[in-house]
Amino acid sequence: MRSGENLTNRNWAEMRVTIFHNAVSAADPAADQDVLVQADAVAGAISRLGHEWTRIACTLDLSEAREQLVAARPDVVFNLVESLGGSDWMAGAAAALLDSLDLSYTGSSTEALVLTNHKLLAKQRLREAGLPTPEWLALDCPRTANVRGCLADTNDAGWSENDIFVIKTFWEHASFELDEHSLVRATDAGELRKILQQTSQRLRRPCFAEQYVDGREFNLSLLASPQGPEALPPAEIDFSAFPKGKPRIVGRRAKWDETSFDFQNTPRRFDFPVADQPLLDHLQDLARHVWRVFGLAGYARVDFRVDSDGMPWILEINANPCLSPDAGFAAALQRASIPFDEAVARILADARR
């Protein structure tokens, strides 16, 4: 079966597919509600592919989810669980439950989800693999021992007061509480640690500081094929409408507040000048390398910043990116002329393999 083959026309035996997603309520924010849109889109594709499907909404009561899964007896589970109990970090628990039941499921393994959802562990793995990721600093505590970046040196050698840092949480999605106030300057590591302490207390989540890369931002989506991961066309976030001095980041408002300036002025683009082709090829190679290093499966996305020297830096690895029709993954599929149903078929086939 060739990468890109139209799987929607294959005469597959009918399968029982359970769509497994985190439970949400009407009171939950848009970022959580979006999983219902994804579940509807996947359900539609599964129906058109000729398979049966059921849906199970997962909560922190894993015993209840276990009973429902056992009763459903699925041939494969389409795992859309992005968070549990309000934390992205708990997504790995849902995959672990599927492992314990010896069920085939779509997307990445429990281990890959845990590793990529913990940003410091992911950055350490990138560093060990020789892949470029911005330097970082984290507070000394059991959660961060052995995952400290070069900025942890106490002598502040090479420290510049012009350096800008982005304060991020360890294990929430990249846009979680991210805005212009998340970018900070510090005269030394001691001051930066104080900022981290204050932010961690305010957000009630452990945080770290990552060097801000002032430059272009790209997203690389990946889709499984029998020959390995297929890198879809690179997308760049267009910040050209941002006024001078406004940080060029895709924060919470840019992703979820449709009335905001940030949302309306961060379109993605797929058209590039010929001069950009070597960079685009390099980004695709790096994304495929990330897939292999982290043992990803089904589908994924890698986010990059590219500095003024044309050097790419890996910011984020999303092992379960959004599958909503208006999200970046669907846009990359469209650009690659891959129907959404075919992508769902390839994700299911990868799980069955």
Protein backbone atom coordinates (compact mmCIF):
# COMPACT_ATOMS: atom_id res chain seq x y z
CA MET A 1 0.00 0.00 0.00
CA ARG A 2 1.56 3.27 -1.10
CA SER A 3 1.75 6.39 1.03
CA GLY A 4 -1.10 8.60 -0.09
CA GLU A 5 -3.16 5.73 -1.61
CA ASN A 6 -6.87 6.50 -1.41
CA LEU A 7 -7.92 4.18 1.41
CA THR A 8 -11.55 5.32 1.35
CA ASN A 9 -12.18 2.94 -1.57
CA ARG A 10 -10.49 -0.12 -0.04
CA ASN A 11 -12.81 -3.08 0.65
CA TRP A 12 -11.97 -3.42 4.32
CA ALA A 13 -13.88 -5.80 6.58
CA GLU A 14 -16.19 -3.87 8.82
CA MET A 15 -14.64 -2.99 12.17
CA ARG A 16 -16.07 -1.96 15.51
CA VAL A 17 -14.42 1.33 16.41
CA THR A 18 -14.83 3.05 19.77
CA ILE A 19 -14.18 6.78 19.78
CA PHE A 20 -12.64 7.48 23.18
CA HIS A 21 -12.50 11.11 24.28
CA ASN A 22 -12.30 13.14 27.46
CA ALA A 23 -15.66 14.08 28.96
CA VAL A 24 -16.59 17.76 28.75
CA SER A 25 -19.50 19.84 29.96
CA ALA A 26 -21.21 22.95 28.63
CA ALA A 27 -19.37 24.97 31.27
CA ASP A 28 -15.90 23.89 30.06
CA PRO A 29 -13.76 26.33 28.02
CA ALA A 30 -13.55 26.21 24.22
CA ALA A 31 -10.17 24.47 24.37
CA ASP A 32 -11.87 21.49 26.05
CA GLN A 33 -15.11 21.65 24.07
CA ASP A 34 -13.14 21.24 20.85
CA VAL A 35 -12.69 17.50 21.44
CA LEU A 36 -16.41 17.04 20.72
CA VAL A 37 -15.91 18.63 17.30
CA GLN A 38 -13.05 16.21 16.68
CA ALA A 39 -15.14 13.24 17.77
CA ASP A 40 -17.95 14.24 15.40
CA ALA A 41 -15.52 14.63 12.49
CA VAL A 42 -13.90 11.24 13.16
CA ALA A 43 -17.30 9.56 13.58
CA GLY A 44 -18.40 10.89 10.20
CA ALA A 45 -15.26 9.56 8.53
CA ILE A 46 -15.59 6.15 10.20
CA SER A 47 -19.19 5.85 8.99
CA ARG A 48 -18.21 6.74 5.44
CA LEU A 49 -15.42 4.13 5.61
CA GLY A 50 -18.09 1.51 6.35
CA HIS A 51 -17.27 0.77 9.98
CA GLU A 52 -19.44 0.72 13.09
CA TRP A 53 -18.64 3.13 15.87
CA THR A 54 -19.55 3.95 19.44
CA ARG A 55 -18.42 6.78 21.69
CA ILE A 56 -17.15 6.69 25.26
CA ALA A 57 -16.46 9.84 27.27
CA CYS A 58 -13.65 9.26 29.76
CA THR A 59 -13.35 10.89 33.17
CA LEU A 60 -10.97 10.35 36.06
CA ASP A 61 -13.20 7.41 37.03
CA LEU A 62 -11.17 4.95 34.98
CA SER A 63 -13.04 1.97 36.41
CA GLU A 64 -16.23 3.19 34.73
CA ALA A 65 -14.39 3.76 31.45
CA ARG A 66 -12.93 0.27 31.73
CA GLU A 67 -16.38 -1.29 32.10
CA GLN A 68 -17.68 0.59 29.06
CA LEU A 69 -14.69 -0.42 26.94
CA VAL A 70 -15.04 -4.07 27.92
CA ALA A 71 -18.75 -3.96 27.03
CA ALA A 72 -18.07 -2.25 23.66
CA ARG A 73 -15.55 -4.94 22.59
CA PRO A 74 -13.96 -2.71 19.93
CA ASP A 75 -11.58 -3.95 17.26
CA VAL A 76 -9.76 -0.63 17.61
CA VAL A 77 -10.12 2.46 19.79
CA PHE A 78 -9.78 5.92 18.24
CA ASN A 79 -8.08 7.66 21.14
CA LEU A 80 -8.98 11.36 21.34
CA VAL A 81 -8.42 11.80 25.07
CA GLU A 82 -6.47 15.06 25.38
CA SER A 83 -6.82 15.69 29.11
CA LEU A 84 -8.45 14.37 32.27
CA GLY A 85 -9.50 16.28 35.33
CA GLY A 86 -8.52 19.55 33.66
CA SER A 87 -4.90 18.55 33.02
CA ASP A 88 -3.23 17.54 29.75
CA TRP A 89 -0.71 15.59 31.82
CA MET A 90 -3.38 12.98 32.59
CA ALA A 91 -3.94 12.07 28.93
CA GLY A 92 -1.40 9.30 29.32
CA ALA A 93 -3.63 7.63 31.93
CA ALA A 94 -6.30 6.97 29.31
CA ALA A 95 -3.76 5.35 26.99
CA ALA A 96 -2.44 3.29 29.91
CA LEU A 97 -5.98 2.04 30.52
CA LEU A 98 -6.19 0.92 26.88
CA ASP A 99 -2.84 -0.83 27.27
CA SER A 100 -4.07 -2.65 30.37
CA LEU A 101 -7.02 -3.98 28.36
CA ASP A 102 -4.74 -5.03 25.48
CA LEU A 103 -6.77 -2.93 23.04
CA SER A 104 -5.42 -1.58 19.77
CA TYR A 105 -5.70 2.19 19.72
CA THR A 106 -4.85 5.03 17.39
CA GLY A 107 -2.07 7.52 17.82
CA SER A 108 0.99 7.34 20.00
CA SER A 109 1.69 4.99 22.88
CA THR A 110 1.35 5.76 26.57
CA GLU A 111 5.11 6.23 26.81
CA ALA A 112 5.22 8.67 23.89
CA LEU A 113 2.27 10.67 25.22
CA VAL A 114 3.85 10.98 28.67
CA LEU A 115 7.23 11.92 27.26
CA THR A 116 5.92 14.56 24.85
CA ASN A 117 3.41 16.02 27.32
CA HIS A 118 6.21 16.68 29.83
CA LYS A 119 8.00 19.47 28.03
CA LEU A 120 11.23 19.20 30.03
CA LEU A 121 11.54 15.46 29.47
CA ALA A 122 10.84 16.07 25.78
CA LYS A 123 13.52 18.77 25.59
CA GLN A 124 16.02 16.49 27.29
CA ARG A 125 15.29 13.72 24.79
CA LEU A 126 15.69 16.21 21.92
CA ARG A 127 19.02 17.35 23.33
CA GLU A 128 20.24 13.75 23.73
CA ALA A 129 19.26 13.01 20.11
CA GLY A 130 21.20 16.03 18.87
CA LEU A 131 18.05 17.84 17.80
CA PRO A 132 17.86 21.64 18.25
CA THR A 133 15.69 23.01 21.05
CA PRO A 134 16.04 26.35 22.87
CA GLU A 135 17.87 26.33 26.17
CA TRP A 136 15.85 26.44 29.36
CA LEU A 137 15.92 26.84 33.10
CA ALA A 138 13.80 25.11 35.72
CA LEU A 139 13.69 25.31 39.49
CA ASP A 140 15.45 22.63 41.50
CA CYS A 141 12.84 20.15 42.70
CA PRO A 142 12.13 16.42 42.30
CA ARG A 143 10.18 17.08 39.10
CA THR A 144 13.08 18.79 37.36
CA ALA A 145 16.15 16.95 38.65
CA ASN A 146 18.17 15.64 35.68
CA VAL A 147 16.16 17.66 33.15
CA ARG A 148 17.87 21.02 33.46
CA GLY A 149 19.02 23.04 30.49
CA CYS A 150 22.30 24.84 30.03
CA LEU A 151 20.84 28.01 31.53
CA ALA A 152 20.93 26.36 34.95
CA ASP A 153 24.60 27.27 35.35
CA THR A 154 24.89 29.40 38.48
CA ASN A 155 27.81 31.48 37.28
CA ASP A 156 25.61 33.22 34.66
CA ALA A 157 28.42 32.99 32.12
CA GLY A 158 27.33 34.46 28.82
CA TRP A 159 24.13 35.85 30.30
CA SER A 160 22.72 38.82 28.44
CA GLU A 161 20.20 41.30 29.81
CA ASN A 162 18.73 41.45 26.31
CA ASP A 163 17.73 37.78 26.42
CA ILE A 164 13.99 37.15 26.46
CA PHE A 165 12.44 34.06 28.03
CA VAL A 166 9.02 32.45 27.67
CA ILE A 167 7.48 31.10 30.88
CA LYS A 168 5.69 27.82 30.18
CA THR A 169 4.05 25.10 32.22
CA PHE A 170 5.61 21.65 32.26
CA TRP A 171 2.71 19.61 30.96
CA GLU A 172 -0.16 21.72 29.66
CA HIS A 173 -0.72 22.50 25.99
CA ALA A 174 1.54 25.15 24.52
CA SER A 175 -1.01 27.97 24.58
CA PHE A 176 -2.05 27.41 28.20
CA GLU A 177 -2.20 30.89 29.83
CA LEU A 178 0.34 32.05 27.24
CA ASP A 179 0.22 35.75 26.34
CA GLU A 180 2.53 38.76 26.03
CA HIS A 181 3.06 38.72 29.81
CA SER A 182 4.64 35.28 29.50
CA LEU A 183 7.69 36.88 27.87
CA VAL A 184 10.14 38.20 30.46
CA ARG A 185 13.65 39.57 30.83
CA ALA A 186 15.93 38.84 33.79
CA THR A 187 19.32 40.25 34.77
CA ASP A 188 20.55 36.85 35.98
CA ALA A 189 19.46 33.29 36.73
CA GLY A 190 18.49 34.25 40.27
CA GLU A 191 15.94 36.79 39.07
CA LEU A 192 14.58 34.35 36.53
CA ARG A 193 14.11 31.75 39.25
CA LYS A 194 12.08 34.24 41.29
CA ILE A 195 9.85 34.87 38.27
CA LEU A 196 9.40 31.12 37.88
CA GLN A 197 8.44 30.74 41.54
CA GLN A 198 5.86 33.51 41.30
CA THR A 199 4.35 32.21 38.06
CA SER A 200 4.22 28.62 39.31
CA GLN A 201 2.37 29.77 42.41
CA ARG A 202 -0.08 31.88 40.39
CA LEU A 203 -0.87 29.13 37.87
CA ARG A 204 -0.65 26.38 40.50
CA ARG A 205 1.46 24.37 38.10
CA PRO A 206 5.24 23.91 37.81
CA CYS A 207 6.80 26.19 35.18
CA PHE A 208 10.09 26.58 33.36
CA ALA A 209 11.73 29.35 31.35
CA GLU A 210 12.68 28.80 27.72
CA GLN A 211 14.82 31.15 25.64
CA TYR A 212 12.56 33.03 23.25
CA VAL A 213 13.46 32.62 19.59
CA ASP A 214 12.54 35.80 17.75
CA GLY A 215 11.73 34.69 14.22
CA ARG A 216 9.34 32.73 12.05
CA GLU A 217 6.99 30.02 13.36
CA PHE A 218 6.20 26.79 11.50
CA ASN A 219 4.00 23.76 12.14
CA LEU A 220 4.84 20.38 10.59
CA SER A 221 2.08 17.75 10.58
CA LEU A 222 2.92 14.07 10.17
CA LEU A 223 0.72 11.17 9.06
CA ALA A 224 1.48 7.45 9.27
CA SER A 225 2.00 5.37 6.14
CA PRO A 226 3.32 1.84 5.58
CA GLN A 227 6.62 3.38 4.52
CA GLY A 228 6.93 5.48 7.66
CA PRO A 229 5.80 8.97 8.63
CA GLU A 230 4.72 11.23 5.79
CA ALA A 231 5.59 14.87 6.44
CA LEU A 232 2.73 17.05 5.23
CA PRO A 233 3.31 20.48 3.70
CA PRO A 234 4.83 22.94 6.22
CA ALA A 235 2.60 25.75 7.46
CA GLU A 236 3.88 29.12 8.66
CA ILE A 237 2.04 31.40 11.05
CA ASP A 238 1.74 34.83 9.44
CA PHE A 239 2.45 37.58 11.98
CA SER A 240 2.75 40.36 9.38
CA ALA A 241 -0.29 42.22 10.77
CA PHE A 242 1.21 42.44 14.27
CA PRO A 243 2.30 45.99 15.16
CA LYS A 244 5.91 46.66 16.09
CA GLY A 245 6.66 45.60 19.63
CA LYS A 246 3.83 43.06 19.89
CA PRO A 247 5.29 39.62 20.69
CA ARG A 248 4.88 37.24 17.79
CA ILE A 249 3.50 34.24 19.61
CA VAL A 250 0.48 31.98 19.21
CA GLY A 251 -0.99 32.30 22.68
CA ARG A 252 -4.30 31.51 24.29
CA ARG A 253 -6.21 34.31 22.55
CA ALA A 254 -4.80 33.42 19.13
CA LYS A 255 -6.08 29.86 19.48
CA TRP A 256 -9.40 30.24 21.27
CA ASP A 257 -10.70 33.83 21.38
CA GLU A 258 -12.32 34.37 17.99
CA THR A 259 -13.06 38.04 18.74
CA SER A 260 -9.42 38.89 19.53
CA PHE A 261 -6.86 40.64 17.35
CA ASP A 262 -4.51 37.69 17.83
CA PHE A 263 -7.03 35.13 16.54
CA GLN A 264 -7.93 37.20 13.50
CA ASN A 265 -4.35 38.06 12.57
CA THR A 266 -2.44 34.78 12.86
CA PRO A 267 -3.42 32.93 9.66
CA ARG A 268 -1.39 29.99 8.47
CA ARG A 269 0.13 30.00 4.99
CA PHE A 270 1.48 27.24 2.77
CA ASP A 271 2.85 29.28 -0.15
CA PHE A 272 6.55 30.11 -0.04
CA PRO A 273 9.19 31.56 -2.34
CA VAL A 274 11.57 29.14 -4.03
CA ALA A 275 14.37 30.39 -1.78
CA ASP A 276 12.60 28.85 1.24
CA GLN A 277 12.61 25.31 -0.18
CA PRO A 278 15.87 24.15 1.50
CA LEU A 279 14.49 25.34 4.86
CA LEU A 280 11.14 23.61 4.29
CA ASP A 281 12.91 20.36 3.35
CA HIS A 282 15.04 20.62 6.49
CA LEU A 283 11.96 21.15 8.68
CA GLN A 284 10.32 18.05 7.20
CA ASP A 285 13.48 16.00 7.81
CA LEU A 286 13.63 17.19 11.42
CA ALA A 287 9.95 16.37 11.96
CA ARG A 288 10.44 12.82 10.67
CA HIS A 289 13.49 12.48 12.91
CA VAL A 290 11.38 13.58 15.89
CA TRP A 291 8.78 10.93 15.01
CA ARG A 292 11.43 8.20 15.13
CA VAL A 293 13.15 9.47 18.29
CA PHE A 294 9.90 9.64 20.28
CA GLY A 295 8.29 6.54 18.79
CA LEU A 296 5.24 8.45 17.55
CA ALA A 297 2.41 6.76 15.67
CA GLY A 298 -0.71 7.56 13.68
CA TYR A 299 -0.40 11.31 13.44
CA ALA A 300 1.50 14.11 15.14
CA ARG A 301 2.67 17.71 14.83
CA VAL A 302 6.01 19.40 15.51
CA ASP A 303 6.22 23.15 16.12
CA PHE A 304 9.30 25.17 15.18
CA ARG A 305 10.73 28.65 15.44
CA VAL A 306 13.31 29.71 12.87
CA ASP A 307 15.73 32.42 13.95
CA SER A 308 17.15 35.28 11.89
CA ASP A 309 20.06 33.07 10.79
CA GLY A 310 17.68 30.48 9.37
CA MET A 311 18.31 28.02 12.21
CA PRO A 312 15.24 25.94 13.20
CA TRP A 313 14.46 25.25 16.87
CA ILE A 314 11.97 22.63 18.04
CA LEU A 315 9.47 24.10 20.51
CA GLU A 316 6.76 21.50 20.92
CA ILE A 317 5.90 17.93 20.00
CA ASN A 318 2.18 17.23 19.88
CA ALA A 319 1.52 13.50 19.80
CA ASN A 320 -2.26 13.98 19.58
CA PRO A 321 -2.87 17.18 17.59
CA CYS A 322 -6.34 18.55 17.03
CA LEU A 323 -8.33 16.83 14.25
CA SER A 324 -11.07 19.47 14.01
CA PRO A 325 -11.90 20.47 10.42
CA ASP A 326 -10.69 24.04 11.01
CA ALA A 327 -7.42 23.08 12.72
CA GLY A 328 -3.91 23.02 11.33
CA PHE A 329 -3.73 19.26 10.76
CA ALA A 330 -6.82 19.28 8.54
CA ALA A 331 -5.44 22.29 6.65
CA ALA A 332 -2.17 20.42 6.00
CA LEU A 333 -4.13 17.39 4.76
CA GLN A 334 -6.05 19.59 2.35
CA ARG A 335 -2.83 21.15 1.10
CA ALA A 336 -1.42 17.65 0.53
CA SER A 337 -4.62 16.61 -1.34
CA ILE A 338 -5.31 13.90 1.24
CA PRO A 339 -9.04 13.58 2.04
CA PHE A 340 -9.85 13.59 5.74
CA ASP A 341 -11.49 10.14 5.43
CA GLU A 342 -8.30 8.75 3.95
CA ALA A 343 -6.28 10.20 6.82
CA VAL A 344 -8.62 8.56 9.34
CA ALA A 345 -8.27 5.26 7.45
CA ARG A 346 -4.48 5.52 7.58
CA ILE A 347 -4.56 6.31 11.30
CA LEU A 348 -6.79 3.27 11.91
CA ALA A 349 -4.55 1.07 9.73
CA ASP A 350 -1.49 2.17 11.69
CA ALA A 351 -3.20 1.18 14.92
CA ARG A 352 -4.14 -2.22 13.54
CA ARG A 353 -0.56 -2.82 12.38
